[in-house]
Amino acid sequence: MADERPTEISRHDEPVDPVDAGALPGEAVRPDAAGDKQPEREWWDDPGMPWRRKPTRTDIACMSWIGFLGLFSLAMLPLRAWLLGSPDRLPWLVGLLGSRSGTTLLGSVVRVGTDLPFVWPILLGTLMSIKLDWTYWWAGKLWGRGMIEVWAGKSQRAARNYARAERWANKLGWVGMFVAYVPIPLPLTAVIFVLAGAQGMSWKKFMMLDFASCLLWLIGFFSFGYLVGEPAVKVLEFYSKFANYVAIALVVAVVALTFMRSSRKG
């Protein structure tokens, strides 16, 4: 959304009388003397922020939750890698994190005859998967498509991807909630959730559709894994040989990335 503040007119656009400016005749008037120094921007008046006004406590709270969501997803990467390293851990990977890849592998393991639970992991995994999706809906309700503009940033490639995702979301309407989890290289999920809030969808309807769509997709991933069967189990067996090393490497990477970000802010 473009900023519609009136354009400021510089005092250099009008002739300045040297006498009125406090200078001697024939003496050049410096911009500072004419009082042409631009006021400093407030911290919140920045193109990198989703709002177009001074933020309220509600705005700050929503932005904090979105930041927490990013950090939480990053922190869960090592746990995800470790839980994926053994068939016995798959129900917990699905139940605690709602992992799609874990759900697929759980279906394959069940297909080859392993006696592992899958009903409660899928139901619990659905709830855990959507537990923070309301933050995107809230962002759309507060700032319209402002959060999408922030994500697109100054990168032309990112802007094209988000514009493409937004066109799809607008065409699909509420049906887009069932397409949000399609595994394609587009930021479709976040865009659909933001637009749901921006276009006035109620929180209750949003969460019900989100739960239903996520549940259907997890059932679909489980069914796909069940059809694949043994080949997927062999992949899991191969990965399990070095899963612990992957988890340790991810822990180091997350700690290093967090430290680098805090150093930049400092």
C-alpha atoms as a PDB file:
ATOM      1  CA  MET A   1       0.000   0.000   0.000  1.00  0.00           C
ATOM      2  CA  ALA A   2       1.602   3.274  -1.079  1.00  0.00           C
ATOM      3  CA  ASP A   3       2.270   6.005   1.463  1.00  0.00           C
ATOM      4  CA  GLU A   4      -0.064   8.879   0.694  1.00  0.00           C
ATOM      5  CA  ARG A   5       1.621  11.546   2.789  1.00  0.00           C
ATOM      6  CA  PRO A   6       1.779  14.927   1.014  1.00  0.00           C
ATOM      7  CA  THR A   7       5.043  15.661  -0.774  1.00  0.00           C
ATOM      8  CA  GLU A   8       7.253  18.059   1.181  1.00  0.00           C
ATOM      9  CA  ILE A   9       8.290  21.196  -0.674  1.00  0.00           C
ATOM     10  CA  SER A  10      11.900  22.212  -0.157  1.00  0.00           C
ATOM     11  CA  ARG A  11      12.562  25.783   0.727  1.00  0.00           C
ATOM     12  CA  HIS A  12      15.067  25.844  -2.161  1.00  0.00           C
ATOM     13  CA  ASP A  13      12.097  25.786  -4.504  1.00  0.00           C
ATOM     14  CA  GLU A  14      11.409  29.428  -3.646  1.00  0.00           C
ATOM     15  CA  PRO A  15      13.854  32.367  -3.910  1.00  0.00           C
ATOM     16  CA  VAL A  16      15.340  33.352  -0.561  1.00  0.00           C
ATOM     17  CA  ASP A  17      16.101  36.961   0.273  1.00  0.00           C
ATOM     18  CA  PRO A  18      19.677  37.102   1.670  1.00  0.00           C
ATOM     19  CA  VAL A  19      18.658  39.820   4.105  1.00  0.00           C
ATOM     20  CA  ASP A  20      15.702  37.750   5.392  1.00  0.00           C
ATOM     21  CA  ALA A  21      18.017  34.788   5.763  1.00  0.00           C
ATOM     22  CA  GLY A  22      20.343  36.781   7.962  1.00  0.00           C
ATOM     23  CA  ALA A  23      23.188  36.971   5.412  1.00  0.00           C
ATOM     24  CA  LEU A  24      25.012  39.912   3.959  1.00  0.00           C
ATOM     25  CA  PRO A  25      24.146  41.026   0.424  1.00  0.00           C
ATOM     26  CA  GLY A  26      26.050  38.916  -2.107  1.00  0.00           C
ATOM     27  CA  GLU A  27      26.808  36.205   0.423  1.00  0.00           C
ATOM     28  CA  ALA A  28      25.655  32.674  -0.401  1.00  0.00           C
ATOM     29  CA  VAL A  29      23.063  31.200   1.891  1.00  0.00           C
ATOM     30  CA  ARG A  30      23.926  27.716   3.146  1.00  0.00           C
ATOM     31  CA  PRO A  31      21.124  25.164   3.460  1.00  0.00           C
ATOM     32  CA  ASP A  32      21.659  24.914   7.213  1.00  0.00           C
ATOM     33  CA  ALA A  33      21.238  28.643   7.567  1.00  0.00           C
ATOM     34  CA  ALA A  34      17.963  28.479   5.715  1.00  0.00           C
ATOM     35  CA  GLY A  35      16.727  25.775   8.082  1.00  0.00           C
ATOM     36  CA  ASP A  36      16.433  23.145   5.355  1.00  0.00           C
ATOM     37  CA  LYS A  37      17.623  20.214   7.464  1.00  0.00           C
ATOM     38  CA  GLN A  38      15.247  17.265   7.131  1.00  0.00           C
ATOM     39  CA  PRO A  39      13.840  15.803  10.379  1.00  0.00           C
ATOM     40  CA  GLU A  40      15.054  12.341  11.311  1.00  0.00           C
ATOM     41  CA  ARG A  41      12.723   9.443  10.631  1.00  0.00           C
ATOM     42  CA  GLU A  42      11.057   7.685  13.503  1.00  0.00           C
ATOM     43  CA  TRP A  43      12.200   4.079  14.014  1.00  0.00           C
ATOM     44  CA  TRP A  44       8.817   2.741  12.964  1.00  0.00           C
ATOM     45  CA  ASP A  45       8.603   4.837   9.763  1.00  0.00           C
ATOM     46  CA  ASP A  46      10.607   2.384   7.713  1.00  0.00           C
ATOM     47  CA  PRO A  47       9.837   0.480   4.478  1.00  0.00           C
ATOM     48  CA  GLY A  48      10.946  -2.691   6.242  1.00  0.00           C
ATOM     49  CA  MET A  49       7.982  -2.500   8.626  1.00  0.00           C
ATOM     50  CA  PRO A  50       4.493  -3.759   7.708  1.00  0.00           C
ATOM     51  CA  TRP A  51       2.616  -0.810   9.204  1.00  0.00           C
ATOM     52  CA  ARG A  52       2.110   2.691   7.753  1.00  0.00           C
ATOM     53  CA  ARG A  53       1.570   4.476  11.048  1.00  0.00           C
ATOM     54  CA  LYS A  54       2.938   4.570  14.557  1.00  0.00           C
ATOM     55  CA  PRO A  55       2.520   0.993  15.859  1.00  0.00           C
ATOM     56  CA  THR A  56       0.342   0.199  18.834  1.00  0.00           C
ATOM     57  CA  ARG A  57       0.983  -2.461  21.461  1.00  0.00           C
ATOM     58  CA  THR A  58      -1.106  -4.835  19.368  1.00  0.00           C
ATOM     59  CA  ASP A  59       1.144  -4.271  16.347  1.00  0.00           C
ATOM     60  CA  ILE A  60       4.273  -4.873  18.412  1.00  0.00           C
ATOM     61  CA  ALA A  61       2.762  -8.022  19.948  1.00  0.00           C
ATOM     62  CA  CYS A  62       1.873  -9.482  16.531  1.00  0.00           C
ATOM     63  CA  MET A  63       5.330  -8.692  15.128  1.00  0.00           C
ATOM     64  CA  SER A  64       6.924 -10.321  18.186  1.00  0.00           C
ATOM     65  CA  TRP A  65       4.904 -13.500  17.656  1.00  0.00           C
ATOM     66  CA  ILE A  66       5.984 -13.636  14.011  1.00  0.00           C
ATOM     67  CA  GLY A  67       9.604 -13.255  15.127  1.00  0.00           C
ATOM     68  CA  PHE A  68       9.113 -16.016  17.697  1.00  0.00           C
ATOM     69  CA  LEU A  69       7.641 -18.273  15.023  1.00  0.00           C
ATOM     70  CA  GLY A  70      10.775 -17.880  12.916  1.00  0.00           C
ATOM     71  CA  LEU A  71      13.086 -18.598  15.853  1.00  0.00           C
ATOM     72  CA  PHE A  72      10.972 -21.567  16.972  1.00  0.00           C
ATOM     73  CA  SER A  73      11.068 -23.134  13.509  1.00  0.00           C
ATOM     74  CA  LEU A  74      14.829 -22.676  13.404  1.00  0.00           C
ATOM     75  CA  ALA A  75      15.321 -24.192  16.865  1.00  0.00           C
ATOM     76  CA  MET A  76      13.253 -27.272  15.956  1.00  0.00           C
ATOM     77  CA  LEU A  77      15.498 -28.237  13.029  1.00  0.00           C
ATOM     78  CA  PRO A  78      17.974 -30.290  15.128  1.00  0.00           C
ATOM     79  CA  LEU A  79      15.135 -32.067  16.949  1.00  0.00           C
ATOM     80  CA  ARG A  80      13.460 -32.833  13.639  1.00  0.00           C
ATOM     81  CA  ALA A  81      16.693 -34.309  12.264  1.00  0.00           C
ATOM     82  CA  TRP A  82      17.200 -36.479  15.359  1.00  0.00           C
ATOM     83  CA  LEU A  83      13.619 -37.784  15.501  1.00  0.00           C
ATOM     84  CA  LEU A  84      13.852 -38.719  11.829  1.00  0.00           C
ATOM     85  CA  GLY A  85      16.811 -41.002  12.558  1.00  0.00           C
ATOM     86  CA  SER A  86      14.889 -44.002  13.909  1.00  0.00           C
ATOM     87  CA  PRO A  87      11.581 -45.702  13.010  1.00  0.00           C
ATOM     88  CA  ASP A  88      10.610 -45.834  16.694  1.00  0.00           C
ATOM     89  CA  ARG A  89      10.773 -42.032  16.889  1.00  0.00           C
ATOM     90  CA  LEU A  90       8.563 -41.399  13.864  1.00  0.00           C
ATOM     91  CA  PRO A  91       5.258 -41.227  15.803  1.00  0.00           C
ATOM     92  CA  TRP A  92       6.781 -38.505  18.003  1.00  0.00           C
ATOM     93  CA  LEU A  93       8.174 -36.670  14.987  1.00  0.00           C
ATOM     94  CA  VAL A  94       4.691 -36.588  13.487  1.00  0.00           C
ATOM     95  CA  GLY A  95       2.860 -35.888  16.747  1.00  0.00           C
ATOM     96  CA  LEU A  96       5.145 -33.154  18.106  1.00  0.00           C
ATOM     97  CA  LEU A  97       6.106 -31.382  14.884  1.00  0.00           C
ATOM     98  CA  GLY A  98       3.491 -32.361  12.316  1.00  0.00           C
ATOM     99  CA  SER A  99       6.325 -33.349   9.963  1.00  0.00           C
ATOM    100  CA  ARG A 100       5.158 -34.160   6.435  1.00  0.00           C
ATOM    101  CA  SER A 101       8.265 -36.179   5.606  1.00  0.00           C
ATOM    102  CA  GLY A 102       7.924 -37.976   8.941  1.00  0.00           C
ATOM    103  CA  THR A 103       4.277 -38.766   8.179  1.00  0.00           C
ATOM    104  CA  THR A 104       5.253 -40.189   4.794  1.00  0.00           C
ATOM    105  CA  LEU A 105       7.934 -42.390   6.346  1.00  0.00           C
ATOM    106  CA  LEU A 106       5.552 -43.476   9.106  1.00  0.00           C
ATOM    107  CA  GLY A 107       3.178 -44.732   6.416  1.00  0.00           C
ATOM    108  CA  SER A 108       6.001 -46.689   4.774  1.00  0.00           C
ATOM    109  CA  VAL A 109       7.104 -48.233   8.070  1.00  0.00           C
ATOM    110  CA  VAL A 110       3.534 -49.286   8.868  1.00  0.00           C
ATOM    111  CA  ARG A 111       3.255 -50.816   5.381  1.00  0.00           C
ATOM    112  CA  VAL A 112       6.205 -53.186   5.967  1.00  0.00           C
ATOM    113  CA  GLY A 113       4.589 -54.531   9.125  1.00  0.00           C
ATOM    114  CA  THR A 114       6.052 -52.442  11.941  1.00  0.00           C
ATOM    115  CA  ASP A 115       3.553 -52.104  14.771  1.00  0.00           C
ATOM    116  CA  LEU A 116       3.691 -48.325  15.279  1.00  0.00           C
ATOM    117  CA  PRO A 117       0.767 -46.033  16.177  1.00  0.00           C
ATOM    118  CA  PHE A 118      -0.328 -43.572  13.517  1.00  0.00           C
ATOM    119  CA  VAL A 119      -3.829 -42.327  14.410  1.00  0.00           C
ATOM    120  CA  TRP A 120      -2.933 -40.238  17.449  1.00  0.00           C
ATOM    121  CA  PRO A 121       0.322 -38.954  15.876  1.00  0.00           C
ATOM    122  CA  ILE A 122      -1.588 -37.652  12.850  1.00  0.00           C
ATOM    123  CA  LEU A 123      -4.310 -36.002  14.951  1.00  0.00           C
ATOM    124  CA  LEU A 124      -1.846 -34.477  17.405  1.00  0.00           C
ATOM    125  CA  GLY A 125       0.496 -33.545  14.568  1.00  0.00           C
ATOM    126  CA  THR A 126      -2.309 -31.617  12.886  1.00  0.00           C
ATOM    127  CA  LEU A 127      -2.836 -29.514  16.008  1.00  0.00           C
ATOM    128  CA  MET A 128       0.892 -28.956  16.483  1.00  0.00           C
ATOM    129  CA  SER A 129       1.340 -28.051  12.842  1.00  0.00           C
ATOM    130  CA  ILE A 130      -1.255 -25.261  12.911  1.00  0.00           C
ATOM    131  CA  LYS A 131      -0.540 -24.034  16.451  1.00  0.00           C
ATOM    132  CA  LEU A 132       1.008 -20.710  15.340  1.00  0.00           C
ATOM    133  CA  ASP A 133      -0.678 -20.182  11.963  1.00  0.00           C
ATOM    134  CA  TRP A 134      -2.995 -17.625  13.545  1.00  0.00           C
ATOM    135  CA  THR A 135      -0.062 -15.184  13.705  1.00  0.00           C
ATOM    136  CA  TYR A 136      -0.163 -14.807   9.920  1.00  0.00           C
ATOM    137  CA  TRP A 137      -3.941 -14.361   9.953  1.00  0.00           C
ATOM    138  CA  TRP A 138      -3.507 -11.710  12.653  1.00  0.00           C
ATOM    139  CA  ALA A 139      -0.845  -9.913  10.583  1.00  0.00           C
ATOM    140  CA  GLY A 140      -3.242  -9.752   7.635  1.00  0.00           C
ATOM    141  CA  LYS A 141      -6.049  -8.444   9.827  1.00  0.00           C
ATOM    142  CA  LEU A 142      -3.814  -5.688  11.232  1.00  0.00           C
ATOM    143  CA  TRP A 143      -1.768  -4.606   8.208  1.00  0.00           C
ATOM    144  CA  GLY A 144      -3.478  -5.979   5.116  1.00  0.00           C
ATOM    145  CA  ARG A 145      -0.822  -7.178   2.700  1.00  0.00           C
ATOM    146  CA  GLY A 146       1.865  -5.167   4.483  1.00  0.00           C
ATOM    147  CA  MET A 147       3.598  -8.319   5.746  1.00  0.00           C
ATOM    148  CA  ILE A 148       3.789  -9.652   2.192  1.00  0.00           C
ATOM    149  CA  GLU A 149       5.552  -6.461   1.124  1.00  0.00           C
ATOM    150  CA  VAL A 150       8.050  -6.917   3.967  1.00  0.00           C
ATOM    151  CA  TRP A 151       8.781 -10.521   2.934  1.00  0.00           C
ATOM    152  CA  ALA A 152       9.204  -9.516  -0.700  1.00  0.00           C
ATOM    153  CA  GLY A 153      11.719  -6.854   0.368  1.00  0.00           C
ATOM    154  CA  LYS A 154      13.923  -5.281  -2.284  1.00  0.00           C
ATOM    155  CA  SER A 155      14.702  -8.523  -4.099  1.00  0.00           C
ATOM    156  CA  GLN A 156      13.098  -8.638  -7.542  1.00  0.00           C
ATOM    157  CA  ARG A 157      13.070 -12.434  -7.511  1.00  0.00           C
ATOM    158  CA  ALA A 158      11.332 -12.572  -4.121  1.00  0.00           C
ATOM    159  CA  ALA A 159       8.866  -9.908  -5.245  1.00  0.00           C
ATOM    160  CA  ARG A 160       7.956 -11.985  -8.324  1.00  0.00           C
ATOM    161  CA  ASN A 161       7.493 -15.141  -6.251  1.00  0.00           C
ATOM    162  CA  TYR A 162       5.268 -13.393  -3.725  1.00  0.00           C
ATOM    163  CA  ALA A 163       3.282 -11.686  -6.491  1.00  0.00           C
ATOM    164  CA  ARG A 164       2.723 -15.059  -8.153  1.00  0.00           C
ATOM    165  CA  ALA A 165       1.653 -16.628  -4.862  1.00  0.00           C
ATOM    166  CA  GLU A 166      -0.686 -13.706  -4.192  1.00  0.00           C
ATOM    167  CA  ARG A 167      -2.363 -14.082  -7.595  1.00  0.00           C
ATOM    168  CA  TRP A 168      -2.980 -17.766  -6.901  1.00  0.00           C
ATOM    169  CA  ALA A 169      -4.343 -16.999  -3.449  1.00  0.00           C
ATOM    170  CA  ASN A 170      -6.751 -14.359  -4.776  1.00  0.00           C
ATOM    171  CA  LYS A 171      -8.053 -16.710  -7.471  1.00  0.00           C
ATOM    172  CA  LEU A 172      -8.615 -19.587  -5.058  1.00  0.00           C
ATOM    173  CA  GLY A 173     -10.360 -17.633  -2.281  1.00  0.00           C
ATOM    174  CA  TRP A 174     -11.180 -19.698   0.818  1.00  0.00           C
ATOM    175  CA  VAL A 175     -10.511 -22.886  -1.156  1.00  0.00           C
ATOM    176  CA  GLY A 176      -6.885 -21.777  -1.060  1.00  0.00           C
ATOM    177  CA  MET A 177      -6.745 -22.951   2.557  1.00  0.00           C
ATOM    178  CA  PHE A 178      -6.769 -26.517   1.208  1.00  0.00           C
ATOM    179  CA  VAL A 179      -4.006 -25.710  -1.283  1.00  0.00           C
ATOM    180  CA  ALA A 180      -1.801 -23.908   1.234  1.00  0.00           C
ATOM    181  CA  TYR A 181       0.184 -27.053   2.067  1.00  0.00           C
ATOM    182  CA  VAL A 182       1.041 -27.996  -1.518  1.00  0.00           C
ATOM    183  CA  PRO A 183       4.802 -28.746  -1.546  1.00  0.00           C
ATOM    184  CA  ILE A 184       5.835 -26.276  -4.255  1.00  0.00           C
ATOM    185  CA  PRO A 185       8.694 -23.713  -4.247  1.00  0.00           C
ATOM    186  CA  LEU A 186       6.399 -20.761  -3.639  1.00  0.00           C
ATOM    187  CA  PRO A 187       5.588 -18.998  -0.325  1.00  0.00           C
ATOM    188  CA  LEU A 188       1.965 -19.974  -0.813  1.00  0.00           C
ATOM    189  CA  THR A 189       1.125 -20.944   2.768  1.00  0.00           C
ATOM    190  CA  ALA A 190       2.098 -17.665   4.446  1.00  0.00           C
ATOM    191  CA  VAL A 191       0.526 -15.551   1.685  1.00  0.00           C
ATOM    192  CA  ILE A 192      -2.795 -17.419   1.840  1.00  0.00           C
ATOM    193  CA  PHE A 193      -2.919 -17.076   5.626  1.00  0.00           C
ATOM    194  CA  VAL A 194      -2.123 -13.337   5.547  1.00  0.00           C
ATOM    195  CA  LEU A 195      -4.727 -12.674   2.855  1.00  0.00           C
ATOM    196  CA  ALA A 196      -7.326 -14.628   4.844  1.00  0.00           C
ATOM    197  CA  GLY A 197      -6.982 -12.074   7.625  1.00  0.00           C
ATOM    198  CA  ALA A 198      -6.709  -9.129   5.247  1.00  0.00           C
ATOM    199  CA  GLN A 199      -9.896 -10.118   3.413  1.00  0.00           C
ATOM    200  CA  GLY A 200     -11.968 -10.405   6.582  1.00  0.00           C
ATOM    201  CA  MET A 201     -12.147 -14.153   7.236  1.00  0.00           C
ATOM    202  CA  SER A 202     -13.080 -14.758  10.868  1.00  0.00           C
ATOM    203  CA  TRP A 203     -10.559 -16.372  13.203  1.00  0.00           C
ATOM    204  CA  LYS A 204     -12.881 -19.308  13.908  1.00  0.00           C
ATOM    205  CA  LYS A 205     -13.411 -20.065  10.212  1.00  0.00           C
ATOM    206  CA  PHE A 206      -9.705 -19.687   9.529  1.00  0.00           C
ATOM    207  CA  MET A 207      -8.688 -22.166  12.243  1.00  0.00           C
ATOM    208  CA  MET A 208     -11.374 -24.693  11.242  1.00  0.00           C
ATOM    209  CA  LEU A 209     -10.318 -24.612   7.588  1.00  0.00           C
ATOM    210  CA  ASP A 210      -6.663 -24.726   8.571  1.00  0.00           C
ATOM    211  CA  PHE A 211      -7.217 -27.799  10.758  1.00  0.00           C
ATOM    212  CA  ALA A 212      -9.261 -29.594   8.092  1.00  0.00           C
ATOM    213  CA  SER A 213      -6.773 -28.887   5.299  1.00  0.00           C
ATOM    214  CA  CYS A 214      -3.730 -29.831   7.384  1.00  0.00           C
ATOM    215  CA  LEU A 215      -5.387 -33.090   8.507  1.00  0.00           C
ATOM    216  CA  LEU A 216      -6.264 -34.030   4.924  1.00  0.00           C
ATOM    217  CA  TRP A 217      -2.718 -33.370   3.766  1.00  0.00           C
ATOM    218  CA  LEU A 218      -1.157 -35.419   6.572  1.00  0.00           C
ATOM    219  CA  ILE A 219      -3.493 -38.309   5.725  1.00  0.00           C
ATOM    220  CA  GLY A 220      -2.428 -37.900   2.099  1.00  0.00           C
ATOM    221  CA  PHE A 221       1.280 -37.984   2.995  1.00  0.00           C
ATOM    222  CA  PHE A 222       0.722 -41.071   5.158  1.00  0.00           C
ATOM    223  CA  SER A 223      -1.174 -42.793   2.345  1.00  0.00           C
ATOM    224  CA  PHE A 224       1.572 -41.961  -0.132  1.00  0.00           C
ATOM    225  CA  GLY A 225       4.201 -43.412   2.185  1.00  0.00           C
ATOM    226  CA  TYR A 226       2.060 -46.510   2.680  1.00  0.00           C
ATOM    227  CA  LEU A 227       1.898 -47.016  -1.093  1.00  0.00           C
ATOM    228  CA  VAL A 228       5.658 -46.550  -1.503  1.00  0.00           C
ATOM    229  CA  GLY A 229       6.451 -48.955   1.302  1.00  0.00           C
ATOM    230  CA  GLU A 230       9.863 -50.634   1.445  1.00  0.00           C
ATOM    231  CA  PRO A 231      11.905 -48.242  -0.766  1.00  0.00           C
ATOM    232  CA  ALA A 232      11.164 -45.366   1.623  1.00  0.00           C
ATOM    233  CA  VAL A 233      12.100 -47.564   4.593  1.00  0.00           C
ATOM    234  CA  LYS A 234      15.491 -48.248   2.996  1.00  0.00           C
ATOM    235  CA  VAL A 235      16.062 -44.509   2.649  1.00  0.00           C
ATOM    236  CA  LEU A 236      15.220 -44.101   6.336  1.00  0.00           C
ATOM    237  CA  GLU A 237      17.638 -46.891   7.277  1.00  0.00           C
ATOM    238  CA  PHE A 238      20.409 -45.189   5.303  1.00  0.00           C
ATOM    239  CA  TYR A 239      19.727 -41.812   6.907  1.00  0.00           C
ATOM    240  CA  SER A 240      19.627 -43.304  10.410  1.00  0.00           C
ATOM    241  CA  LYS A 241      23.339 -44.152  10.144  1.00  0.00           C
ATOM    242  CA  PHE A 242      24.352 -40.485  10.340  1.00  0.00           C
ATOM    243  CA  ALA A 243      21.218 -38.817  11.728  1.00  0.00           C
ATOM    244  CA  ASN A 244      22.905 -37.954  15.023  1.00  0.00           C
ATOM    245  CA  TYR A 245      25.725 -36.169  13.206  1.00  0.00           C
ATOM    246  CA  VAL A 246      23.202 -34.175  11.183  1.00  0.00           C
ATOM    247  CA  ALA A 247      21.399 -33.167  14.367  1.00  0.00           C
ATOM    248  CA  ILE A 248      24.652 -32.043  16.016  1.00  0.00           C
ATOM    249  CA  ALA A 249      25.655 -30.062  12.925  1.00  0.00           C
ATOM    250  CA  LEU A 250      22.270 -28.339  12.910  1.00  0.00           C
ATOM    251  CA  VAL A 251      22.610 -27.435  16.595  1.00  0.00           C
ATOM    252  CA  VAL A 252      25.973 -25.788  15.850  1.00  0.00           C
ATOM    253  CA  ALA A 253      24.506 -24.006  12.813  1.00  0.00           C
ATOM    254  CA  VAL A 254      21.504 -22.676  14.761  1.00  0.00           C
ATOM    255  CA  VAL A 255      23.689 -21.409  17.626  1.00  0.00           C
ATOM    256  CA  ALA A 256      26.125 -19.777  15.188  1.00  0.00           C
ATOM    257  CA  LEU A 257      23.348 -18.137  13.182  1.00  0.00           C
ATOM    258  CA  THR A 258      21.680 -16.819  16.341  1.00  0.00           C
ATOM    259  CA  PHE A 259      24.997 -15.408  17.570  1.00  0.00           C
ATOM    260  CA  MET A 260      25.667 -13.715  14.218  1.00  0.00           C
ATOM    261  CA  ARG A 261      22.235 -12.106  14.195  1.00  0.00           C
ATOM    262  CA  SER A 262      22.600 -10.799  17.744  1.00  0.00           C
ATOM    263  CA  SER A 263      26.076  -9.426  16.908  1.00  0.00           C
ATOM    264  CA  ARG A 264      24.693  -7.516  13.925  1.00  0.00           C
ATOM    265  CA  LYS A 265      21.939  -6.004  16.024  1.00  0.00           C
ATOM    266  CA  GLY A 266      24.479  -5.025  18.649  1.00  0.00           C
END
